[in-house]
Each structure stands twice: as structure tokens, then as C-alpha cells.
Amino acid sequence: MRKLLRNLWRIITTPFRIIFWIFRRLGRWIRNVGSEIHSFFAEEIEDAPVGDALSKAWDHPQELLVHIDALRKHLLRAVAALVITTALSFTFFEQILAFLSRPLHGEKLVAIEVTEPIGTVMKVSLLAGVALAFPYIAIEVWLFIAPGLSRKARIWGLLAIPIATIFFLSGMAFAYYVMLPAALPFLLNFMGITTIPRPSSYISFVTAIMFWLGVFFEFPLVVFLLAKLGLVNASFLIKQWRLAVVIIAVISAAITPTVDPVNMSLVMGPMVLLYFFSVLLAKIAQPRETT
């Protein structure tokens, strides 16, 4: 009878023991992760000159192979995330294409080649996939370079990831809501010649503009981090503003569909403002002893 009651008690308490075991393992895993995160941020690397680091890598090439293998793993995870987000974007292709076509104000895209719709689908899905996977890709980049950074640089790099995502999406939003509505009427009716937009050319144009402006909007954040690490300073940037404006003009001409002053100014103006905003951020971020 006692054995029967014992077995019955075990059967009744089995679900509770399983739940307790799961929570105990979960708590142990959380403690281990927390300990690893604490040691990761608390560890301070030894500051060595670049020459010594290169000499050490030359004398011990097996250590370089470890970094290459780590880079391979980070790249594989980043690519896997991009594949997942691109596949997810593919399922919403029609909605994304309709959104990207709004600046045409009712103009329909007309394909004249058999494979053109397929290429359009892939470009749209890839752009949306990059936008969705950008935070995770930034985390993988940070995880790869973080072990070689100081404790302070690791913390600033981690904090920069959500801000970088916001800047990237802001650049894409500027291209969509400001530049495209101003540039497309000029391009589609240049010299009174009506243009019928094709999916391949239109999507290539839109995705290129949105992607590169998203990348260029990262410039203030990059300057801020470099100034925080003491690699650049505000005085140097302000002295080189003329050269910066020339470089910005060249870049604007490269990514702008036409070289007319109206469309170029739509790209060049915000980039010049971003440069001087970067100077302000560098002034705020640079160490006090360099001011």
C-alpha cells in the first residue's frame, strides 16, 4: 500500500517536478549568461602598439586563424539572418512594391522583358530584408570586433547599434519622402518626353537611392564614435570643411540620377548638414584633454 501511494505521489507531482527542473536549468543558464556578459564588459584588454600586434600575428599565425574562424561564424549568422528577413519580405512583396510605387502617383510599372518581374521581386525583397536584418548584422559586427576593443569602446559600440538603426532608417525615409517625390516628376517628364517606368530600372533606382542615403546617414554616428575613441577631433573636421564639401558634391553626383542642381541639392544639402552635425558631435564626444 505504501509503495502504491509513493508511486501515485510521484505521478501527481511529476508535472511540478518537470516545471521546477526547467526553471532551475533556465535560472542556471541565465546566471551563466549574466556572468559571461559581466566578464565580457569588465575585462580590459592590454593596449599594444599596432606594430607589436602585427609582429605577434606574424610570429603566431595560428592565432590569426582563430580570428578568421570567428569571422566566418559571424558572417554565416549574419547571412542566415539576411536570408530569413529576405524570405519574410518576399511573402509581403506586393505590399512593399505598392509602397515603393507611391511616388509615381498612379503611374503603372510596365515590364517589357520576361525575367524582369522576377528581378524586381528579388530587389524589393532584398532591400526590405537588409532593412529588417540591419540591427542583427550590426550586433554580429560588434561581437566580432568587441574583444579587441577597450571596455569603454565596447560599451559605446553596443549603445551605438540602436542609434545606427535609427539613422539608417532615417536616411531611407528621407530618400522616400523627400528626394523621390521631388526627383521623379523631373525625370519622368524631362524635356516634355513622357517616360513609362519599367520595374527593373525604377526599383534599381529607388533601392539604390534609399540604401546609400541610409548608409550616409550613419556618418555622424561614426564620427561620434571615432571622436570618443580619440581618433578624430572637431578642430580637424572644421578645418577640412571645404574638402568635405567637395567630396560630398562628388558623392551626391554619383548617387543622384541626374546632375541637375535641383536633385543634387536634395542630396548634397542634407549631407553637408550631417557633416557639420558630425563636427558638433565630435566636439561633444572628444576627450577633454584634446579640446
Protein backbone atom coordinates (compact mmCIF):
# COMPACT_ATOMS: atom_id res chain seq x y z
CA MET A 1 0.00 0.00 0.00
CA ARG A 2 2.82 2.37 0.93
CA LYS A 3 4.56 1.67 -2.37
CA LEU A 4 1.33 2.34 -4.25
CA LEU A 5 0.89 5.68 -2.50
CA ARG A 6 4.52 6.57 -3.21
CA ASN A 7 4.10 5.81 -6.91
CA LEU A 8 0.82 7.72 -7.00
CA TRP A 9 2.52 10.70 -5.34
CA ARG A 10 5.29 10.61 -7.93
CA ILE A 11 2.76 10.57 -10.75
CA ILE A 12 0.84 13.50 -9.28
CA THR A 13 3.97 15.58 -8.63
CA THR A 14 5.68 14.76 -11.95
CA PRO A 15 4.42 17.88 -13.78
CA PHE A 16 5.55 20.10 -10.89
CA ARG A 17 8.98 18.45 -10.75
CA ILE A 18 9.38 18.91 -14.51
CA ILE A 19 8.45 22.59 -14.23
CA PHE A 20 10.86 23.00 -11.29
CA TRP A 21 13.64 21.30 -13.29
CA ILE A 22 13.02 23.58 -16.29
CA PHE A 23 13.11 26.72 -14.15
CA ARG A 24 16.24 25.53 -12.36
CA ARG A 25 18.04 24.90 -15.65
CA LEU A 26 16.78 28.22 -17.00
CA GLY A 27 18.00 30.05 -13.90
CA ARG A 28 21.40 28.37 -14.18
CA TRP A 29 21.62 29.36 -17.86
CA ILE A 30 20.65 32.96 -17.06
CA ARG A 31 23.33 33.12 -14.32
CA ASN A 32 25.96 31.74 -16.69
CA VAL A 33 24.99 34.20 -19.43
CA GLY A 34 24.98 37.06 -16.94
CA SER A 35 28.41 36.04 -15.68
CA GLU A 36 29.78 35.88 -19.23
CA ILE A 37 28.29 39.29 -20.09
CA HIS A 38 29.73 40.82 -16.91
CA SER A 39 33.20 39.40 -17.56
CA PHE A 40 32.98 40.48 -21.22
CA PHE A 41 32.32 44.09 -20.30
CA ALA A 42 34.56 44.12 -17.22
CA GLU A 43 37.63 42.71 -18.98
CA GLU A 44 40.13 45.35 -20.04
CA ILE A 45 42.48 44.41 -22.86
CA GLU A 46 46.15 45.28 -22.88
CA ASP A 47 46.84 48.29 -25.08
CA ALA A 48 49.60 47.34 -27.53
CA PRO A 49 51.06 49.29 -30.47
CA VAL A 50 49.89 48.28 -33.94
CA GLY A 51 53.40 47.22 -34.90
CA ASP A 52 53.66 44.84 -31.96
CA ALA A 53 50.25 43.37 -32.77
CA LEU A 54 51.24 42.75 -36.39
CA SER A 55 54.54 41.22 -35.31
CA LYS A 56 52.76 38.92 -32.90
CA ALA A 57 50.31 37.85 -35.60
CA TRP A 58 53.22 37.14 -37.97
CA ASP A 59 55.06 35.05 -35.36
CA HIS A 60 51.91 33.15 -34.32
CA PRO A 61 49.74 32.69 -37.43
CA GLN A 62 47.58 30.10 -35.65
CA GLU A 63 46.07 32.92 -33.58
CA LEU A 64 45.08 34.66 -36.79
CA LEU A 65 43.28 31.51 -37.90
CA VAL A 66 41.17 31.68 -34.73
CA HIS A 67 40.03 35.20 -35.66
CA ILE A 68 39.31 34.12 -39.24
CA ASP A 69 37.20 31.23 -37.96
CA ALA A 70 35.33 33.62 -35.65
CA LEU A 71 34.75 35.98 -38.57
CA ARG A 72 33.38 33.08 -40.61
CA LYS A 73 30.87 32.21 -37.88
CA HIS A 74 29.70 35.81 -37.52
CA LEU A 75 29.32 36.17 -41.28
CA LEU A 76 27.35 32.93 -41.53
CA ARG A 77 24.95 34.06 -38.81
CA ALA A 78 24.56 37.48 -40.43
CA VAL A 79 23.88 35.92 -43.83
CA ALA A 80 21.41 33.48 -42.27
CA ALA A 81 19.54 36.40 -40.67
CA LEU A 82 19.53 38.22 -44.01
CA VAL A 83 18.14 35.15 -45.76
CA ILE A 84 15.36 34.84 -43.17
CA THR A 85 14.37 38.51 -43.36
CA THR A 86 14.54 38.45 -47.16
CA ALA A 87 12.28 35.38 -47.28
CA LEU A 88 9.90 37.10 -44.86
CA SER A 89 9.89 40.20 -47.06
CA PHE A 90 9.18 38.02 -50.09
CA THR A 91 5.85 36.99 -48.57
CA PHE A 92 4.85 40.67 -48.38
CA PHE A 93 6.24 41.59 -51.79
CA GLU A 94 3.03 43.06 -53.19
CA GLN A 95 2.54 45.41 -50.25
CA ILE A 96 6.20 46.54 -50.33
CA LEU A 97 6.12 47.11 -54.10
CA ALA A 98 2.91 49.13 -53.77
CA PHE A 99 4.58 51.23 -51.08
CA LEU A 100 7.68 51.86 -53.21
CA SER A 101 5.49 52.78 -56.20
CA ARG A 102 3.55 55.51 -54.40
CA PRO A 103 5.93 58.31 -55.51
CA LEU A 104 4.85 57.54 -59.11
CA HIS A 105 1.41 58.99 -58.28
CA GLY A 106 -0.61 56.33 -60.06
CA GLU A 107 1.87 55.56 -62.86
CA LYS A 108 1.96 51.82 -63.51
CA LEU A 109 5.17 49.86 -63.91
CA VAL A 110 5.31 48.15 -67.32
CA ALA A 111 7.65 45.19 -67.85
CA ILE A 112 8.96 44.51 -71.35
CA GLU A 113 11.19 41.53 -70.61
CA VAL A 114 10.20 38.03 -69.49
CA THR A 115 12.55 37.90 -66.47
CA GLU A 116 12.02 41.50 -65.40
CA PRO A 117 9.29 40.81 -62.79
CA ILE A 118 11.48 38.14 -61.14
CA GLY A 119 14.42 40.53 -60.80
CA THR A 120 12.09 43.18 -59.40
CA VAL A 121 10.78 40.78 -56.77
CA MET A 122 14.30 39.88 -55.66
CA LYS A 123 15.48 43.51 -55.43
CA VAL A 124 12.47 44.60 -53.40
CA SER A 125 12.73 41.60 -51.08
CA LEU A 126 16.47 42.13 -50.61
CA LEU A 127 16.11 45.82 -49.75
CA ALA A 128 13.41 45.07 -47.18
CA GLY A 129 15.48 42.16 -45.87
CA VAL A 130 18.53 44.38 -45.36
CA ALA A 131 16.45 46.96 -43.50
CA LEU A 132 14.98 44.28 -41.22
CA ALA A 133 18.26 42.46 -40.61
CA PHE A 134 20.35 45.61 -40.11
CA PRO A 135 20.22 45.58 -36.27
CA TYR A 136 21.25 41.93 -36.06
CA ILE A 137 24.02 42.36 -38.65
CA ALA A 138 25.31 45.33 -36.64
CA ILE A 139 25.32 43.17 -33.50
CA GLU A 140 27.34 40.46 -35.27
CA VAL A 141 29.88 43.05 -36.44
CA TRP A 142 30.11 44.40 -32.90
CA LEU A 143 30.56 40.90 -31.44
CA PHE A 144 33.46 40.27 -33.80
CA ILE A 145 35.38 43.47 -33.11
CA ALA A 146 34.42 43.88 -29.43
CA PRO A 147 37.09 41.52 -27.99
CA GLY A 148 39.79 43.77 -29.49
CA LEU A 149 38.31 46.96 -28.06
CA SER A 150 38.67 48.57 -24.67
CA ARG A 151 35.90 48.25 -22.11
CA LYS A 152 34.76 51.80 -22.80
CA ALA A 153 34.72 51.24 -26.58
CA ARG A 154 32.71 48.01 -26.20
CA ILE A 155 30.01 49.79 -24.22
CA TRP A 156 29.82 52.69 -26.67
CA GLY A 157 29.73 50.30 -29.60
CA LEU A 158 26.80 48.39 -28.12
CA LEU A 159 24.89 51.60 -27.39
CA ALA A 160 25.51 52.73 -30.97
CA ILE A 161 23.64 49.79 -32.54
CA PRO A 162 20.04 51.02 -31.94
CA ILE A 163 21.10 54.57 -32.83
CA ALA A 164 22.72 53.31 -36.05
CA THR A 165 19.49 51.53 -36.94
CA ILE A 166 17.51 54.74 -36.42
CA PHE A 167 19.97 56.72 -38.56
CA PHE A 168 19.86 54.12 -41.33
CA LEU A 169 16.06 54.08 -41.42
CA SER A 170 16.02 57.90 -41.26
CA GLY A 171 18.18 58.05 -44.39
CA MET A 172 15.87 55.66 -46.20
CA ALA A 173 12.84 57.67 -45.07
CA PHE A 174 14.44 60.90 -46.32
CA ALA A 175 15.08 59.33 -49.73
CA TYR A 176 11.49 58.06 -49.94
CA TYR A 177 9.53 61.02 -48.58
CA VAL A 178 11.72 63.96 -49.72
CA MET A 179 14.00 63.08 -52.61
CA LEU A 180 11.88 60.71 -54.69
CA PRO A 181 8.75 62.92 -54.84
CA ALA A 182 10.93 65.82 -56.00
CA ALA A 183 13.12 63.89 -58.46
CA LEU A 184 10.60 61.61 -60.18
CA PRO A 185 8.39 64.30 -61.82
CA PHE A 186 11.53 65.85 -63.31
CA LEU A 187 12.85 62.51 -64.56
CA LEU A 188 9.58 61.19 -65.96
CA ASN A 189 8.78 64.35 -67.96
CA PHE A 190 12.23 65.68 -68.86
CA MET A 191 12.12 67.96 -71.96
CA GLY A 192 8.43 67.11 -72.37
CA ILE A 193 9.22 63.46 -73.11
CA THR A 194 6.87 61.16 -71.20
CA THR A 195 8.62 58.17 -69.71
CA ILE A 196 6.94 54.85 -68.92
CA PRO A 197 8.71 53.44 -65.83
CA ARG A 198 9.92 49.86 -66.04
CA PRO A 199 10.04 47.69 -62.91
CA SER A 200 13.74 46.83 -63.24
CA SER A 201 15.01 50.37 -63.78
CA TYR A 202 12.63 52.01 -61.31
CA ILE A 203 13.24 49.53 -58.49
CA SER A 204 17.01 49.62 -59.09
CA PHE A 205 16.91 53.41 -58.91
CA VAL A 206 14.73 53.51 -55.77
CA THR A 207 16.59 50.79 -53.88
CA ALA A 208 19.99 52.32 -54.68
CA ILE A 209 18.91 55.80 -53.55
CA MET A 210 17.30 54.54 -50.33
CA PHE A 211 20.17 52.22 -49.43
CA TRP A 212 23.01 54.69 -49.99
CA LEU A 213 21.28 57.56 -48.25
CA GLY A 214 20.66 55.21 -45.33
CA VAL A 215 24.39 54.43 -45.27
CA PHE A 216 25.40 58.11 -45.50
CA PHE A 217 23.13 58.98 -42.59
CA GLU A 218 25.42 56.81 -40.44
CA PHE A 219 28.27 59.33 -40.85
CA PRO A 220 27.52 61.43 -37.71
CA LEU A 221 27.42 58.33 -35.56
CA VAL A 222 30.71 57.04 -36.99
CA VAL A 223 32.38 60.40 -36.34
CA PHE A 224 31.00 60.48 -32.80
CA LEU A 225 32.44 57.04 -32.00
CA LEU A 226 35.81 57.89 -33.59
CA ALA A 227 35.95 61.11 -31.57
CA LYS A 228 35.00 59.22 -28.42
CA LEU A 229 37.96 56.91 -29.05
CA GLY A 230 40.24 59.89 -29.70
CA LEU A 231 40.87 59.06 -33.37
CA VAL A 232 39.42 62.32 -34.76
CA ASN A 233 38.66 65.74 -33.30
CA ALA A 234 36.32 68.59 -34.10
CA SER A 235 39.07 71.09 -34.94
CA PHE A 236 40.44 68.85 -37.69
CA LEU A 237 36.97 68.32 -39.19
CA ILE A 238 36.12 72.00 -39.18
CA LYS A 239 39.44 72.88 -40.84
CA GLN A 240 38.73 70.41 -43.65
CA TRP A 241 35.16 71.54 -44.32
CA ARG A 242 35.95 72.80 -47.84
CA LEU A 243 37.44 69.46 -48.84
CA ALA A 244 34.48 67.72 -47.23
CA VAL A 245 32.01 69.77 -49.28
CA VAL A 246 33.86 68.86 -52.49
CA ILE A 247 33.82 65.16 -51.58
CA ILE A 248 30.12 65.39 -50.70
CA ALA A 249 29.41 67.02 -54.07
CA VAL A 250 31.19 64.18 -55.87
CA ILE A 251 29.29 61.55 -53.87
CA SER A 252 25.99 63.35 -54.46
CA ALA A 253 26.66 63.43 -58.20
CA ALA A 254 27.43 59.71 -58.14
CA ILE A 255 24.21 58.61 -56.43
CA THR A 256 21.89 61.25 -57.89
CA PRO A 257 20.11 60.09 -61.07
CA THR A 258 20.76 63.43 -62.79
CA VAL A 259 23.39 66.13 -62.34
CA ASP A 260 20.89 68.99 -62.38
CA PRO A 261 21.30 71.35 -59.40
CA VAL A 262 17.83 70.68 -58.01
CA ASN A 263 18.23 66.93 -57.49
CA MET A 264 21.87 67.24 -56.47
CA SER A 265 21.00 69.80 -53.82
CA LEU A 266 18.35 67.46 -52.41
CA VAL A 267 21.15 65.00 -51.62
CA MET A 268 24.04 67.38 -51.06
CA GLY A 269 22.21 69.73 -48.68
CA PRO A 270 21.38 67.14 -46.02
CA MET A 271 24.84 65.58 -46.34
CA VAL A 272 26.53 68.95 -45.70
CA LEU A 273 24.28 69.46 -42.69
CA LEU A 274 25.15 65.97 -41.48
CA TYR A 275 28.85 66.83 -41.77
CA PHE A 276 28.56 69.92 -39.59
CA PHE A 277 26.32 67.99 -37.21
CA SER A 278 29.14 65.43 -37.05
CA VAL A 279 31.55 68.22 -36.11
CA LEU A 280 29.26 69.15 -33.22
CA LEU A 281 29.05 65.53 -32.09
CA ALA A 282 32.84 65.22 -32.30
CA LYS A 283 33.18 68.32 -30.13
CA ILE A 284 30.88 66.77 -27.55
CA ALA A 285 32.48 63.32 -27.69
CA GLN A 286 36.20 64.09 -27.79
CA PRO A 287 38.15 63.76 -24.55
CA ARG A 288 38.55 66.91 -22.51
CA GLU A 289 42.32 66.95 -22.76
CA THR A 290 42.13 67.30 -26.57
CA THR A 291 39.81 70.29 -26.54
